[in-house]
Protein backbone atom coordinates (compact mmCIF):
# COMPACT_ATOMS: atom_id res chain seq x y z
CA MET A 1 -72.68 -8.02 -85.30
CA ALA A 2 -69.84 -7.57 -87.99
CA SER A 3 -67.45 -4.39 -87.54
CA HIS A 4 -67.27 -1.79 -89.91
CA HIS A 5 -63.83 -2.84 -90.92
CA GLU A 6 -65.39 -6.48 -91.74
CA GLU A 7 -68.47 -5.25 -93.35
CA LEU A 8 -66.23 -3.18 -95.94
CA LEU A 9 -63.86 -6.02 -96.07
CA GLN A 10 -66.44 -8.66 -96.81
CA THR A 11 -68.39 -6.32 -99.45
CA ALA A 12 -64.97 -5.98 -101.23
CA ILE A 13 -64.16 -9.76 -101.34
CA ALA A 14 -67.48 -10.73 -102.67
CA ALA A 15 -67.26 -8.03 -105.20
CA ALA A 16 -63.54 -9.15 -106.50
CA ALA A 17 -64.63 -12.96 -106.35
CA LYS A 18 -67.97 -12.36 -108.23
CA GLU A 19 -65.36 -10.74 -111.00
CA LYS A 20 -63.50 -13.38 -111.43
CA PRO A 21 -60.58 -11.03 -112.76
CA ARG A 22 -58.52 -11.99 -115.63
CA ASN A 23 -55.69 -10.02 -114.37
CA ILE A 24 -54.79 -7.89 -111.23
CA TYR A 25 -52.82 -4.74 -110.96
CA PHE A 26 -51.48 -3.27 -107.75
CA VAL A 27 -51.02 0.25 -108.14
CA ALA A 28 -49.64 2.89 -105.37
CA CYS A 29 -46.84 5.06 -104.38
CA GLY A 30 -43.59 4.93 -101.77
CA GLY A 31 -44.30 2.87 -98.81
CA SER A 32 -48.15 1.98 -100.40
CA LEU A 33 -46.46 0.41 -103.27
CA ALA A 34 -43.81 -1.41 -100.98
CA PHE A 35 -46.94 -2.75 -99.39
CA MET A 36 -48.37 -4.35 -102.49
CA TYR A 37 -45.53 -6.80 -103.15
CA ASN A 38 -46.35 -9.32 -100.57
CA GLN A 39 -49.87 -9.54 -101.80
CA GLN A 40 -48.94 -9.58 -105.83
CA TYR A 41 -46.48 -12.56 -104.75
CA ILE A 42 -49.37 -14.65 -102.87
CA ILE A 43 -51.52 -14.15 -105.99
CA ASP A 44 -48.61 -15.38 -108.04
CA ARG A 45 -47.99 -18.46 -106.02
CA GLU A 46 -51.31 -19.17 -105.40
CA THR A 47 -53.46 -18.48 -108.86
CA ASP A 48 -52.81 -18.35 -112.51
CA ILE A 49 -54.07 -14.85 -112.49
CA PRO A 50 -51.61 -12.39 -114.34
CA SER A 51 -50.94 -9.86 -111.93
CA PHE A 52 -48.76 -6.67 -112.03
CA ILE A 53 -47.32 -3.69 -109.71
CA TYR A 54 -47.29 -0.14 -110.95
CA SER A 55 -46.36 3.17 -109.59
CA SER A 56 -49.51 5.25 -109.82
CA ASN A 57 -48.26 7.61 -112.49
CA GLU A 58 -46.70 5.44 -114.51
CA PHE A 59 -49.69 3.29 -114.41
CA ILE A 60 -51.73 6.23 -115.99
CA HIS A 61 -49.09 7.17 -118.58
CA ARG A 62 -48.32 3.58 -119.74
CA SER A 63 -51.81 2.89 -120.04
CA PRO A 64 -51.43 -1.06 -120.04
CA LYS A 65 -53.42 -2.51 -123.26
CA SER A 66 -54.92 -5.58 -121.04
CA LEU A 67 -56.32 -3.03 -118.39
CA GLY A 68 -60.09 -3.07 -118.88
CA PRO A 69 -63.18 -4.65 -117.98
CA GLY A 70 -62.52 -8.08 -115.97
CA SER A 71 -59.45 -6.39 -114.49
CA LEU A 72 -59.13 -5.78 -110.66
CA VAL A 73 -57.07 -2.79 -109.64
CA ILE A 74 -56.29 -2.69 -106.04
CA THR A 75 -54.83 0.73 -104.98
CA CYS A 76 -53.58 2.17 -101.72
CA SER A 77 -53.15 5.57 -100.39
CA HIS A 78 -52.12 5.79 -96.68
CA SER A 79 -53.99 9.32 -96.13
CA GLY A 80 -56.12 8.96 -99.22
CA ASN A 81 -55.00 12.00 -100.64
CA THR A 82 -52.09 11.21 -102.92
CA PRO A 83 -53.29 12.53 -105.89
CA GLU A 84 -51.27 10.28 -108.42
CA THR A 85 -53.09 7.19 -106.58
CA VAL A 86 -56.75 9.18 -106.63
CA GLU A 87 -56.11 9.80 -110.35
CA ALA A 88 -54.97 6.12 -110.86
CA THR A 89 -58.03 4.62 -109.33
CA LYS A 90 -60.31 6.85 -111.47
CA PHE A 91 -58.49 6.28 -114.62
CA ALA A 92 -58.81 2.52 -114.12
CA ARG A 93 -62.46 2.84 -113.39
CA GLU A 94 -62.81 4.78 -116.75
CA LYS A 95 -61.06 1.79 -118.35
CA GLY A 96 -63.96 -0.27 -116.86
CA ALA A 97 -61.91 -2.04 -114.12
CA LEU A 98 -63.14 -3.24 -110.88
CA THR A 99 -61.38 -0.85 -107.83
CA VAL A 100 -60.69 -1.80 -104.62
CA SER A 101 -58.93 0.68 -102.32
CA TYR A 102 -56.88 0.46 -98.87
CA SER A 103 -56.70 3.86 -96.78
CA PHE A 104 -56.92 4.64 -93.13
CA LYS A 105 -58.83 8.02 -93.72
CA GLU A 106 -62.55 7.61 -94.73
CA ASP A 107 -64.36 9.81 -96.96
CA SER A 108 -60.89 11.13 -98.36
CA PRO A 109 -60.69 11.62 -102.19
CA LEU A 110 -59.65 8.05 -102.58
CA TRP A 111 -62.39 6.93 -100.71
CA ARG A 112 -64.76 8.60 -102.69
CA THR A 113 -62.98 7.50 -106.08
CA ALA A 114 -63.04 3.81 -105.62
CA GLU A 115 -65.70 1.44 -105.92
CA TYR A 116 -64.80 -0.35 -102.86
CA ASN A 117 -62.66 0.45 -99.98
CA LEU A 118 -60.64 -1.45 -97.06
CA HIS A 119 -60.40 0.78 -93.98
CA TYR A 120 -57.40 0.26 -91.59
CA ASP A 121 -56.53 1.38 -88.41
CA TRP A 122 -53.24 2.97 -87.82
CA GLY A 123 -51.34 4.60 -84.58
CA PRO A 124 -49.31 2.92 -81.77
CA ASP A 125 -52.69 1.87 -80.27
CA SER A 126 -53.88 0.00 -83.33
CA ASN A 127 -54.05 -3.82 -83.31
CA ALA A 128 -52.46 -5.69 -86.19
CA TYR A 129 -55.62 -7.21 -86.96
CA ASP A 130 -57.07 -4.13 -88.28
CA HIS A 131 -54.04 -2.74 -89.28
CA ARG A 132 -52.93 -2.29 -92.98
CA SER A 133 -50.89 -5.72 -92.61
CA GLY A 134 -53.63 -7.50 -90.86
CA MET A 135 -56.07 -6.03 -93.39
CA ALA A 136 -53.97 -7.36 -96.31
CA ILE A 137 -53.96 -10.75 -95.27
CA ARG A 138 -57.72 -10.73 -94.71
CA PHE A 139 -58.52 -9.33 -98.16
CA ILE A 140 -56.31 -11.53 -100.31
CA PHE A 141 -56.82 -14.68 -98.65
CA GLY A 142 -60.34 -13.92 -98.07
CA PHE A 143 -60.43 -13.55 -101.95
CA LEU A 144 -58.49 -16.68 -102.70
CA ASN A 145 -61.05 -18.67 -100.37
CA ALA A 146 -63.79 -17.21 -102.06
CA LEU A 147 -62.34 -18.10 -105.36
CA GLN A 148 -61.56 -21.67 -104.43
CA HIS A 149 -61.83 -22.71 -100.66
CA ASN A 150 -58.56 -23.92 -99.42
CA GLU A 151 -57.63 -25.36 -95.82
CA MET A 152 -54.32 -23.16 -96.06
CA TYR A 153 -56.51 -19.80 -96.74
CA GLY A 154 -58.39 -20.86 -93.70
CA MET A 155 -55.55 -21.14 -91.58
CA ALA A 156 -54.14 -17.72 -92.79
CA LEU A 157 -57.29 -16.19 -91.89
CA GLU A 158 -57.19 -17.91 -88.29
CA ALA A 159 -53.68 -16.95 -87.62
CA VAL A 160 -54.08 -13.11 -88.65
CA LYS A 161 -56.14 -13.15 -85.62
CA GLY A 162 -53.07 -13.38 -83.16
CA LEU A 163 -51.01 -11.09 -85.54
CA GLN A 164 -50.42 -8.48 -82.99
CA ASN A 165 -49.20 -10.62 -80.02
CA ILE A 166 -46.83 -12.39 -82.61
CA PHE A 167 -45.61 -8.99 -83.63
CA ASN A 168 -45.05 -7.75 -80.08
CA ARG A 169 -42.94 -10.95 -79.43
CA ASN A 170 -40.69 -10.73 -82.59
CA LYS A 171 -40.37 -6.79 -81.70
CA ALA A 172 -39.11 -7.70 -78.04
CA LYS A 173 -36.75 -10.58 -79.44
CA PHE A 174 -34.86 -8.17 -81.67
CA SER A 175 -34.87 -5.22 -79.56
CA LYS A 176 -31.21 -5.75 -78.50
CA ALA A 177 -30.37 -6.53 -82.26
CA ALA A 178 -32.23 -3.39 -83.17
CA ASP A 179 -30.54 -1.02 -80.66
CA ALA A 180 -26.95 -2.36 -81.80
CA PHE A 181 -27.86 -1.40 -85.43
CA GLY A 182 -28.98 1.87 -84.33
CA SER A 183 -25.76 2.72 -82.55
CA ASP A 184 -23.39 1.11 -84.97
CA HIS A 185 -24.97 3.13 -87.91
CA LYS A 186 -25.73 6.32 -86.50
CA ARG A 187 -23.20 7.95 -88.57
CA GLU A 188 -23.40 6.27 -91.73
CA PRO A 189 -23.78 8.32 -94.90
CA ILE A 190 -25.20 5.64 -96.93
CA ILE A 191 -26.99 2.34 -96.05
CA TYR A 192 -27.92 -0.23 -98.63
CA THR A 193 -30.75 -2.73 -98.08
CA MET A 194 -31.35 -6.05 -99.80
CA GLY A 195 -34.09 -8.54 -99.95
CA SER A 196 -36.03 -10.77 -102.63
CA GLY A 197 -39.40 -12.13 -103.44
CA PRO A 198 -42.26 -11.04 -100.96
CA LEU A 199 -39.39 -9.30 -98.89
CA TYR A 200 -38.13 -7.01 -101.61
CA GLY A 201 -41.11 -4.51 -101.00
CA GLU A 202 -39.74 -4.29 -97.03
CA ALA A 203 -36.22 -3.61 -98.39
CA TYR A 204 -37.31 -1.13 -100.82
CA SER A 205 -39.50 0.58 -98.13
CA PHE A 206 -37.03 0.41 -95.43
CA ALA A 207 -34.56 2.39 -98.20
CA ILE A 208 -36.95 5.27 -99.54
CA CYS A 209 -39.19 5.92 -96.73
CA LEU A 210 -37.46 4.88 -93.46
CA LEU A 211 -33.78 5.92 -94.51
CA GLN A 212 -34.21 8.54 -97.11
CA GLU A 213 -37.44 10.32 -96.26
CA MET A 214 -37.43 9.70 -92.39
CA GLN A 215 -33.69 9.71 -91.71
CA TRP A 216 -32.12 11.82 -94.58
CA ILE A 217 -29.71 8.95 -95.07
CA HIS A 218 -28.38 8.22 -98.54
CA ALA A 219 -29.75 4.51 -99.60
CA ALA A 220 -30.57 2.26 -102.19
CA ALA A 221 -32.81 -0.91 -102.12
CA ILE A 222 -31.00 -3.84 -104.31
CA HIS A 223 -32.64 -6.86 -105.20
CA SER A 224 -30.65 -9.91 -103.88
CA GLY A 225 -31.09 -11.44 -107.05
CA GLU A 226 -29.68 -8.24 -109.01
CA TYR A 227 -26.54 -7.96 -106.51
CA PHE A 228 -24.42 -9.67 -108.53
CA HIS A 229 -25.28 -7.80 -112.08
CA GLY A 230 -23.48 -4.46 -110.99
CA PRO A 231 -24.38 -3.49 -107.86
CA PHE A 232 -21.97 -6.05 -106.14
CA GLU A 233 -18.95 -3.96 -107.34
CA ILE A 234 -19.79 -1.25 -104.77
CA THR A 235 -18.85 -3.99 -101.86
CA ASP A 236 -15.89 -3.05 -99.73
CA TYR A 237 -15.03 -3.27 -96.09
CA ASP A 238 -16.77 -0.33 -94.88
CA VAL A 239 -20.00 -0.32 -96.98
CA PRO A 240 -23.17 -0.93 -94.83
CA PHE A 241 -25.38 -3.70 -95.92
CA LEU A 242 -28.69 -4.58 -94.38
CA ILE A 243 -29.96 -8.14 -95.79
CA LEU A 244 -33.46 -9.19 -95.31
CA LYS A 245 -33.68 -12.97 -95.66
CA THR A 246 -37.03 -14.65 -96.31
CA ASP A 247 -38.14 -17.88 -95.09
CA GLY A 248 -39.57 -18.90 -98.28
CA GLU A 249 -39.00 -19.85 -101.74
CA THR A 250 -36.51 -17.33 -102.68
CA ARG A 251 -34.26 -17.63 -99.77
CA PRO A 252 -31.30 -18.99 -102.22
CA LEU A 253 -31.00 -15.63 -103.59
CA ASP A 254 -30.68 -13.81 -100.17
CA ASP A 255 -28.34 -16.43 -98.94
CA ARG A 256 -25.97 -16.31 -102.02
CA ALA A 257 -25.72 -12.27 -101.79
CA TYR A 258 -25.19 -12.62 -97.69
CA ASP A 259 -22.34 -15.06 -98.65
CA PHE A 260 -20.44 -12.56 -100.85
CA ALA A 261 -21.17 -9.57 -99.19
CA SER A 262 -19.94 -10.70 -95.80
CA LYS A 263 -16.45 -11.73 -97.49
CA PHE A 264 -15.63 -8.18 -98.16
CA SER A 265 -17.74 -5.84 -96.09
CA LYS A 266 -17.38 -5.77 -92.50
CA LYS A 267 -20.82 -3.98 -92.02
CA VAL A 268 -23.21 -6.75 -92.87
CA THR A 269 -26.48 -6.80 -90.88
CA VAL A 270 -28.83 -9.67 -91.28
CA VAL A 271 -32.48 -9.75 -90.33
CA ASP A 272 -33.47 -13.45 -90.87
CA ALA A 273 -37.09 -14.68 -91.02
CA LYS A 274 -36.04 -17.92 -89.96
CA GLU A 275 -35.20 -16.67 -86.75
CA PHE A 276 -38.69 -15.29 -86.06
CA ASP A 277 -40.98 -16.64 -83.28
CA TRP A 278 -43.18 -18.34 -85.83
CA ALA A 279 -45.87 -19.80 -83.08
CA GLY A 280 -49.34 -19.43 -84.05
CA ILE A 281 -48.37 -19.53 -87.80
CA ASP A 282 -48.31 -23.01 -89.78
CA GLU A 283 -44.94 -23.45 -91.40
CA SER A 284 -46.82 -23.25 -95.01
CA LEU A 285 -47.60 -19.88 -94.46
CA HIS A 286 -44.18 -18.87 -93.23
CA SER A 287 -43.36 -17.38 -96.84
CA TYR A 288 -46.42 -15.23 -96.85
CA PHE A 289 -46.47 -14.14 -93.18
CA ALA A 290 -42.62 -13.07 -93.41
CA THR A 291 -43.34 -9.62 -94.75
CA PRO A 292 -45.67 -8.34 -92.13
CA LEU A 293 -43.58 -9.63 -89.44
CA MET A 294 -40.23 -8.07 -91.25
CA GLY A 295 -42.26 -4.95 -91.19
CA ALA A 296 -42.89 -4.99 -87.48
CA VAL A 297 -39.19 -5.69 -86.69
CA LEU A 298 -37.78 -3.30 -89.10
CA ARG A 299 -39.92 -0.27 -87.58
CA THR A 300 -38.09 -1.28 -84.09
CA TYR A 301 -34.76 -1.05 -86.17
CA ALA A 302 -35.84 2.38 -87.70
CA GLU A 303 -36.80 3.93 -84.22
CA ARG A 304 -33.47 2.83 -82.69
CA LEU A 305 -31.62 4.49 -85.43
CA ALA A 306 -33.52 7.65 -85.11
CA GLU A 307 -33.17 7.50 -81.32
CA HIS A 308 -29.06 7.08 -81.83
CA ARG A 309 -29.21 9.78 -84.17
CA GLY A 310 -31.15 12.27 -82.44
CA HIS A 311 -33.71 12.83 -85.55
CA PRO A 312 -37.02 11.72 -84.98
CA LEU A 313 -38.93 9.80 -87.67
CA SER A 314 -41.43 12.26 -88.20
CA VAL A 315 -39.18 15.07 -89.05
CA ARG A 316 -39.57 16.03 -93.12
CA ARG A 317 -38.27 19.22 -95.10
CA TYR A 318 -40.24 19.23 -98.00
CA MET A 319 -43.21 16.10 -97.66
CA TRP A 320 -46.48 17.81 -96.80
CA LYS A 321 -44.68 21.33 -96.63
CA MET A 322 -45.02 22.59 -100.33
CA GLU A 323 -46.54 22.00 -103.62
CA TYR A 324 -44.66 19.27 -105.59
């Protein structure tokens, strides 16, 4: 018998495939927005359907003219309570778009607003297959496979079944490097992150969520391709960079950024997807699976940094504590 997760997932896939959308919008805020980058990248690479990413409030205020009947709007709010995302989902429905939302809380405002929902598990005991990262792969590749059967899509759906073991192996593989990063950077006042393609979302999330929100460290995410168009002027021997290298199409951008930064900064840390333990994932899928693997590994980096700083990742000054 299909699980609750699976029933929701297959219902959403069937509805999205039946729609045969003329465009796709990925809409969220913060870490949930960063979570969308890999999904949009897959859509861009595997289909000719125009796709876009928006922060929820801007999506409403910009009101794209192409939004309407035939649009697929995919939203995400971890708690399902993010007001901007709930309103963006409502706005999309009013425009006639089909809406699918991710959340780990059922019967939340977002859950009640979207037409179709994707529930995922959360917490230290959750399995990656039913976790947000696994659910994203299952939804996007399930949707693509429903549009047009493809052997690679089938391999992706099979590979995600072993994602938890792959996460565990890579977290263990990078544990010493993560601890060294935490020890070396525990007193840094600022850390820049860099990435490109599907990994830009992880660079962005690490900067605004894990460093700024959870560690109160000044940070900025720099797209590897934009580094040479202004940001590289701040490079110096004592400026720290965390560079995420993809094992995919945009890697030349990451290599170029690393080659320059490492000439002038003595504090460049690289997390390279080519060094991941890829057993269980076909090489043709490395570009698309690099993001969930990188997310799992970077969480270890953040945990070790928090431990060395004596600043738990759960501490907040403003978030959830007042009106804003």
